[in-house]
N, C-alpha and C. Protein backbone atom coordinates (compact mmCIF):
# COMPACT_ATOMS: atom_id res chain seq x y z
N MET A 1 101.77 72.48 110.47
CA MET A 1 103.01 72.33 111.23
C MET A 1 104.19 72.41 110.26
N ARG A 2 105.18 73.20 110.63
CA ARG A 2 106.37 73.32 109.80
C ARG A 2 107.12 71.99 109.76
N ALA A 3 107.85 71.77 108.67
CA ALA A 3 108.60 70.51 108.50
C ALA A 3 109.58 70.30 109.65
N LYS A 4 110.26 71.38 110.09
CA LYS A 4 111.22 71.26 111.19
C LYS A 4 110.51 70.85 112.48
N ASP A 5 109.34 71.44 112.74
CA ASP A 5 108.57 71.08 113.94
C ASP A 5 108.10 69.63 113.87
N ALA A 6 107.67 69.20 112.69
CA ALA A 6 107.21 67.82 112.52
C ALA A 6 108.36 66.84 112.74
N LEU A 7 109.56 67.19 112.24
CA LEU A 7 110.72 66.33 112.44
C LEU A 7 111.06 66.24 113.93
N GLY A 8 111.03 67.38 114.62
CA GLY A 8 111.31 67.39 116.06
C GLY A 8 110.30 66.58 116.84
N ARG A 9 109.03 66.70 116.48
CA ARG A 9 107.97 65.93 117.17
C ARG A 9 108.18 64.44 116.94
N ARG A 10 108.51 64.07 115.70
CA ARG A 10 108.74 62.65 115.40
C ARG A 10 109.94 62.14 116.21
N GLY A 11 111.00 62.93 116.29
CA GLY A 11 112.17 62.53 117.07
C GLY A 11 111.82 62.33 118.54
N GLU A 12 111.02 63.23 119.10
CA GLU A 12 110.63 63.10 120.51
C GLU A 12 109.75 61.87 120.72
N ASP A 13 108.86 61.59 119.77
CA ASP A 13 108.02 60.38 119.87
C ASP A 13 108.90 59.13 119.83
N LEU A 14 109.86 59.10 118.91
CA LEU A 14 110.77 57.95 118.82
C LEU A 14 111.59 57.80 120.09
N ALA A 15 112.08 58.92 120.62
CA ALA A 15 112.90 58.89 121.84
C ALA A 15 112.07 58.39 123.03
N ALA A 16 110.84 58.84 123.15
CA ALA A 16 109.98 58.38 124.25
C ALA A 16 109.75 56.88 124.16
N GLY A 17 109.48 56.38 122.96
CA GLY A 17 109.30 54.94 122.77
C GLY A 17 110.56 54.17 123.08
N TYR A 18 111.70 54.73 122.70
CA TYR A 18 113.00 54.11 122.98
C TYR A 18 113.23 53.99 124.49
N LEU A 19 112.97 55.08 125.22
CA LEU A 19 113.16 55.05 126.68
C LEU A 19 112.23 54.03 127.33
N GLU A 20 110.99 53.98 126.88
CA GLU A 20 110.04 53.00 127.43
C GLU A 20 110.51 51.58 127.13
N ALA A 21 111.06 51.35 125.94
CA ALA A 21 111.58 50.02 125.60
C ALA A 21 112.76 49.62 126.49
N LEU A 22 113.47 50.63 127.03
CA LEU A 22 114.56 50.36 127.97
C LEU A 22 114.04 50.09 129.39
N GLY A 23 112.74 50.24 129.59
CA GLY A 23 112.15 50.00 130.90
C GLY A 23 111.91 51.26 131.71
N MET A 24 112.16 52.42 131.13
CA MET A 24 111.88 53.67 131.84
C MET A 24 110.40 54.00 131.70
N ARG A 25 109.93 54.83 132.63
CA ARG A 25 108.53 55.26 132.59
C ARG A 25 108.50 56.75 132.27
N VAL A 26 107.98 57.10 131.10
CA VAL A 26 107.84 58.50 130.72
C VAL A 26 106.68 59.09 131.51
N VAL A 27 106.96 60.16 132.27
CA VAL A 27 105.94 60.76 133.12
C VAL A 27 105.51 62.14 132.65
N ASP A 28 106.27 62.75 131.75
CA ASP A 28 105.89 64.08 131.25
C ASP A 28 106.63 64.33 129.95
N ARG A 29 105.99 65.14 129.09
CA ARG A 29 106.62 65.52 127.83
C ARG A 29 106.33 66.99 127.56
N ASN A 30 107.31 67.65 126.99
CA ASN A 30 107.19 69.05 126.59
C ASN A 30 106.70 69.94 127.73
N TRP A 31 107.26 69.71 128.94
CA TRP A 31 106.91 70.53 130.10
C TRP A 31 107.59 71.88 129.95
N ARG A 32 106.82 72.93 130.17
CA ARG A 32 107.34 74.29 130.01
C ARG A 32 107.16 75.10 131.27
N CYS A 33 108.10 76.01 131.46
CA CYS A 33 108.02 77.02 132.49
C CYS A 33 108.69 78.27 131.92
N PRO A 34 108.70 79.37 132.64
CA PRO A 34 109.31 80.59 132.09
C PRO A 34 110.79 80.43 131.71
N ASP A 35 111.49 79.47 132.32
CA ASP A 35 112.92 79.29 132.05
C ASP A 35 113.23 78.38 130.87
N GLY A 36 112.22 77.68 130.34
CA GLY A 36 112.47 76.81 129.20
C GLY A 36 111.56 75.61 129.16
N GLU A 37 112.00 74.61 128.42
CA GLU A 37 111.19 73.41 128.20
C GLU A 37 112.03 72.16 128.38
N ILE A 38 111.39 71.13 128.94
CA ILE A 38 112.00 69.81 129.03
C ILE A 38 111.28 68.93 128.01
N ASP A 39 112.06 68.27 127.15
CA ASP A 39 111.45 67.42 126.13
C ASP A 39 110.76 66.21 126.75
N ILE A 40 111.50 65.46 127.58
CA ILE A 40 110.95 64.24 128.19
C ILE A 40 111.42 64.16 129.64
N VAL A 41 110.48 63.83 130.52
CA VAL A 41 110.79 63.52 131.91
C VAL A 41 110.43 62.05 132.10
N ALA A 42 111.39 61.28 132.61
CA ALA A 42 111.15 59.85 132.79
C ALA A 42 111.71 59.41 134.14
N LEU A 43 111.25 58.25 134.56
CA LEU A 43 111.78 57.61 135.76
C LEU A 43 112.54 56.36 135.35
N ASP A 44 113.77 56.26 135.83
CA ASP A 44 114.60 55.09 135.60
C ASP A 44 114.94 54.52 136.97
N GLY A 45 114.09 53.62 137.44
CA GLY A 45 114.22 53.15 138.82
C GLY A 45 113.92 54.30 139.75
N ASP A 46 114.88 54.63 140.63
CA ASP A 46 114.72 55.73 141.58
C ASP A 46 115.21 57.06 141.03
N ALA A 47 115.69 57.08 139.81
CA ALA A 47 116.28 58.30 139.24
C ALA A 47 115.29 59.03 138.34
N LEU A 48 115.28 60.34 138.49
CA LEU A 48 114.53 61.20 137.59
C LEU A 48 115.44 61.50 136.41
N VAL A 49 114.94 61.30 135.21
CA VAL A 49 115.73 61.52 134.00
C VAL A 49 115.11 62.66 133.21
N ILE A 50 115.91 63.67 132.95
CA ILE A 50 115.52 64.76 132.07
C ILE A 50 116.19 64.47 130.75
N ALA A 51 115.40 64.20 129.71
CA ALA A 51 115.96 63.83 128.42
C ALA A 51 115.78 64.96 127.42
N GLU A 52 116.89 65.40 126.87
CA GLU A 52 116.91 66.39 125.80
C GLU A 52 117.04 65.63 124.49
N VAL A 53 116.12 65.89 123.57
CA VAL A 53 116.11 65.17 122.29
C VAL A 53 116.53 66.13 121.18
N LYS A 54 117.49 65.72 120.40
CA LYS A 54 117.94 66.49 119.24
C LYS A 54 117.77 65.61 118.00
N THR A 55 117.00 66.09 117.06
CA THR A 55 116.69 65.33 115.86
C THR A 55 117.22 66.06 114.63
N ARG A 56 117.85 65.32 113.75
CA ARG A 56 118.38 65.88 112.51
C ARG A 56 118.09 64.91 111.36
N LYS A 57 118.05 65.47 110.15
CA LYS A 57 117.91 64.63 108.96
C LYS A 57 119.25 64.06 108.52
N SER A 58 120.33 64.79 108.81
CA SER A 58 121.66 64.35 108.40
C SER A 58 122.69 64.95 109.35
N LEU A 59 123.94 64.62 109.08
CA LEU A 59 125.04 65.17 109.87
C LEU A 59 125.66 66.39 109.19
N ALA A 60 124.99 66.93 108.19
CA ALA A 60 125.53 68.05 107.41
C ALA A 60 125.90 69.25 108.28
N TYR A 61 125.17 69.47 109.35
CA TYR A 61 125.44 70.60 110.24
C TYR A 61 126.00 70.14 111.59
N GLY A 62 126.59 68.96 111.61
CA GLY A 62 127.17 68.42 112.83
C GLY A 62 126.27 67.39 113.48
N HIS A 63 126.83 66.67 114.42
CA HIS A 63 126.08 65.63 115.14
C HIS A 63 125.09 66.31 116.09
N PRO A 64 123.92 65.74 116.26
CA PRO A 64 122.94 66.34 117.18
C PRO A 64 123.48 66.58 118.59
N PHE A 65 124.38 65.72 119.08
CA PHE A 65 124.93 65.92 120.41
C PHE A 65 125.66 67.25 120.53
N GLU A 66 126.22 67.73 119.43
CA GLU A 66 126.97 68.98 119.46
C GLU A 66 126.10 70.19 119.78
N ALA A 67 124.79 70.04 119.65
CA ALA A 67 123.87 71.15 119.91
C ALA A 67 123.60 71.34 121.40
N VAL A 68 124.14 70.46 122.24
CA VAL A 68 123.90 70.55 123.68
C VAL A 68 125.23 70.88 124.36
N GLY A 69 125.42 72.16 124.61
CA GLY A 69 126.65 72.63 125.23
C GLY A 69 126.48 72.88 126.72
N PRO A 70 127.48 73.46 127.35
CA PRO A 70 127.44 73.70 128.80
C PRO A 70 126.27 74.57 129.25
N ASP A 71 125.94 75.61 128.49
CA ASP A 71 124.83 76.48 128.88
C ASP A 71 123.51 75.71 128.87
N LYS A 72 123.30 74.92 127.82
CA LYS A 72 122.07 74.13 127.71
C LYS A 72 122.00 73.10 128.84
N LEU A 73 123.11 72.46 129.16
CA LEU A 73 123.12 71.49 130.25
C LEU A 73 122.80 72.14 131.59
N ALA A 74 123.37 73.31 131.83
CA ALA A 74 123.07 74.02 133.08
C ALA A 74 121.58 74.37 133.15
N ARG A 75 121.01 74.81 132.03
CA ARG A 75 119.58 75.13 132.00
C ARG A 75 118.75 73.88 132.27
N LEU A 76 119.14 72.74 131.71
CA LEU A 76 118.38 71.50 131.93
C LEU A 76 118.41 71.08 133.39
N HIS A 77 119.54 71.28 134.06
CA HIS A 77 119.61 70.97 135.49
C HIS A 77 118.69 71.90 136.29
N ARG A 78 118.67 73.17 135.93
CA ARG A 78 117.75 74.11 136.60
C ARG A 78 116.30 73.72 136.33
N LEU A 79 116.01 73.31 135.10
CA LEU A 79 114.64 72.91 134.76
C LEU A 79 114.24 71.64 135.52
N ALA A 80 115.18 70.74 135.76
CA ALA A 80 114.88 69.54 136.55
C ALA A 80 114.43 69.94 137.95
N SER A 81 115.12 70.89 138.56
CA SER A 81 114.72 71.37 139.89
C SER A 81 113.36 72.03 139.84
N ALA A 82 113.11 72.83 138.82
CA ALA A 82 111.82 73.50 138.68
C ALA A 82 110.69 72.49 138.48
N TRP A 83 110.95 71.43 137.69
CA TRP A 83 109.93 70.40 137.48
C TRP A 83 109.60 69.72 138.81
N CYS A 84 110.61 69.39 139.59
CA CYS A 84 110.37 68.75 140.89
C CYS A 84 109.57 69.66 141.81
N ARG A 85 109.94 70.94 141.86
CA ARG A 85 109.17 71.89 142.69
C ARG A 85 107.73 71.97 142.23
N ASP A 86 107.53 72.09 140.92
CA ASP A 86 106.18 72.21 140.36
C ASP A 86 105.32 70.98 140.65
N HIS A 87 105.95 69.82 140.71
CA HIS A 87 105.21 68.57 140.97
C HIS A 87 105.32 68.11 142.41
N GLU A 88 105.92 68.95 143.26
CA GLU A 88 106.07 68.66 144.69
C GLU A 88 106.69 67.29 144.94
N LEU A 89 107.77 67.04 144.22
CA LEU A 89 108.49 65.77 144.36
C LEU A 89 109.91 66.04 144.81
N ARG A 90 110.40 65.16 145.65
CA ARG A 90 111.82 65.20 146.05
C ARG A 90 112.48 64.01 145.39
N MET A 91 113.33 64.31 144.44
CA MET A 91 114.04 63.26 143.69
C MET A 91 115.53 63.51 143.83
N PRO A 92 116.15 62.92 144.86
CA PRO A 92 117.57 63.18 145.06
C PRO A 92 118.44 62.63 143.93
N LEU A 93 117.99 61.57 143.26
CA LEU A 93 118.75 61.02 142.14
C LEU A 93 118.18 61.59 140.85
N ARG A 94 118.98 62.44 140.20
CA ARG A 94 118.56 63.06 138.95
C ARG A 94 119.70 62.99 137.95
N ARG A 95 119.33 62.89 136.69
CA ARG A 95 120.36 62.96 135.66
C ARG A 95 119.77 63.56 134.39
N VAL A 96 120.67 64.09 133.58
CA VAL A 96 120.30 64.61 132.28
C VAL A 96 120.86 63.68 131.22
N ASP A 97 119.98 63.18 130.36
CA ASP A 97 120.38 62.35 129.23
C ASP A 97 120.15 63.14 127.95
N VAL A 98 120.93 62.86 126.94
CA VAL A 98 120.72 63.46 125.63
C VAL A 98 120.52 62.33 124.63
N ILE A 99 119.47 62.48 123.83
CA ILE A 99 119.14 61.48 122.83
C ILE A 99 119.23 62.13 121.45
N ALA A 100 120.04 61.53 120.58
CA ALA A 100 120.18 62.01 119.21
C ALA A 100 119.37 61.08 118.30
N VAL A 101 118.57 61.68 117.45
CA VAL A 101 117.79 60.92 116.47
C VAL A 101 118.19 61.41 115.08
N LEU A 102 118.68 60.50 114.26
CA LEU A 102 118.97 60.81 112.86
C LEU A 102 117.90 60.12 112.02
N ASP A 103 117.15 60.92 111.26
CA ASP A 103 116.02 60.38 110.51
C ASP A 103 115.91 61.13 109.18
N ASP A 104 116.44 60.52 108.13
CA ASP A 104 116.37 61.16 106.82
C ASP A 104 115.12 60.77 106.04
N GLY A 105 114.28 59.95 106.65
CA GLY A 105 113.02 59.56 106.02
C GLY A 105 113.13 58.43 105.02
N THR A 106 114.33 57.89 104.82
CA THR A 106 114.48 56.84 103.82
C THR A 106 114.59 55.44 104.42
N GLY A 107 114.76 55.35 105.70
CA GLY A 107 114.90 54.05 106.36
C GLY A 107 114.56 54.21 107.82
N GLY A 108 114.96 53.24 108.58
CA GLY A 108 114.72 53.35 110.02
C GLY A 108 115.60 54.41 110.64
N PRO A 109 115.10 55.17 111.57
CA PRO A 109 115.91 56.21 112.22
C PRO A 109 116.98 55.58 113.10
N ALA A 110 118.07 56.31 113.27
CA ALA A 110 119.14 55.90 114.16
C ALA A 110 119.01 56.68 115.45
N ILE A 111 119.06 55.99 116.58
CA ILE A 111 118.93 56.63 117.89
C ILE A 111 120.20 56.35 118.69
N GLU A 112 120.78 57.43 119.23
CA GLU A 112 121.94 57.31 120.11
C GLU A 112 121.56 57.97 121.44
N HIS A 113 122.10 57.44 122.54
CA HIS A 113 121.68 57.87 123.88
C HIS A 113 122.91 58.04 124.76
N LEU A 114 123.08 59.26 125.26
CA LEU A 114 124.12 59.52 126.25
C LEU A 114 123.46 59.69 127.60
N LYS A 115 123.86 58.88 128.56
CA LYS A 115 123.29 58.95 129.91
C LYS A 115 124.18 59.80 130.82
N GLY A 116 123.52 60.57 131.69
CA GLY A 116 124.23 61.31 132.71
C GLY A 116 125.20 62.33 132.16
N VAL A 117 124.77 63.12 131.22
CA VAL A 117 125.61 64.14 130.61
C VAL A 117 125.70 65.34 131.55
N GLY A 118 126.92 65.84 131.73
CA GLY A 118 127.11 67.05 132.52
C GLY A 118 126.74 66.88 133.94
């Protein structure tokens, strides 16, 4: 596994644990369809949460949140609908969250969470 892929996997694992510690239930990870991939699908009460995880070693190339622009958000909303169709679920309450993980490998990772983005 490439170092970048390993860092991304570690970030997604940390983010999933973080969401579960908040009381959410992770129901799917790395779900793919022809239109793209959802990193984490979780339930927060009655709401379906599509979580996009961005992991970086440093802020040298900008904050991880900066990597999620309007096009990516629109795609995530479309993927949320596709996930619901694929699983035959009607979830009127849906949101997209973005989780930033900063992990330089020298200490505990820093996790930031934006709820209901876009």
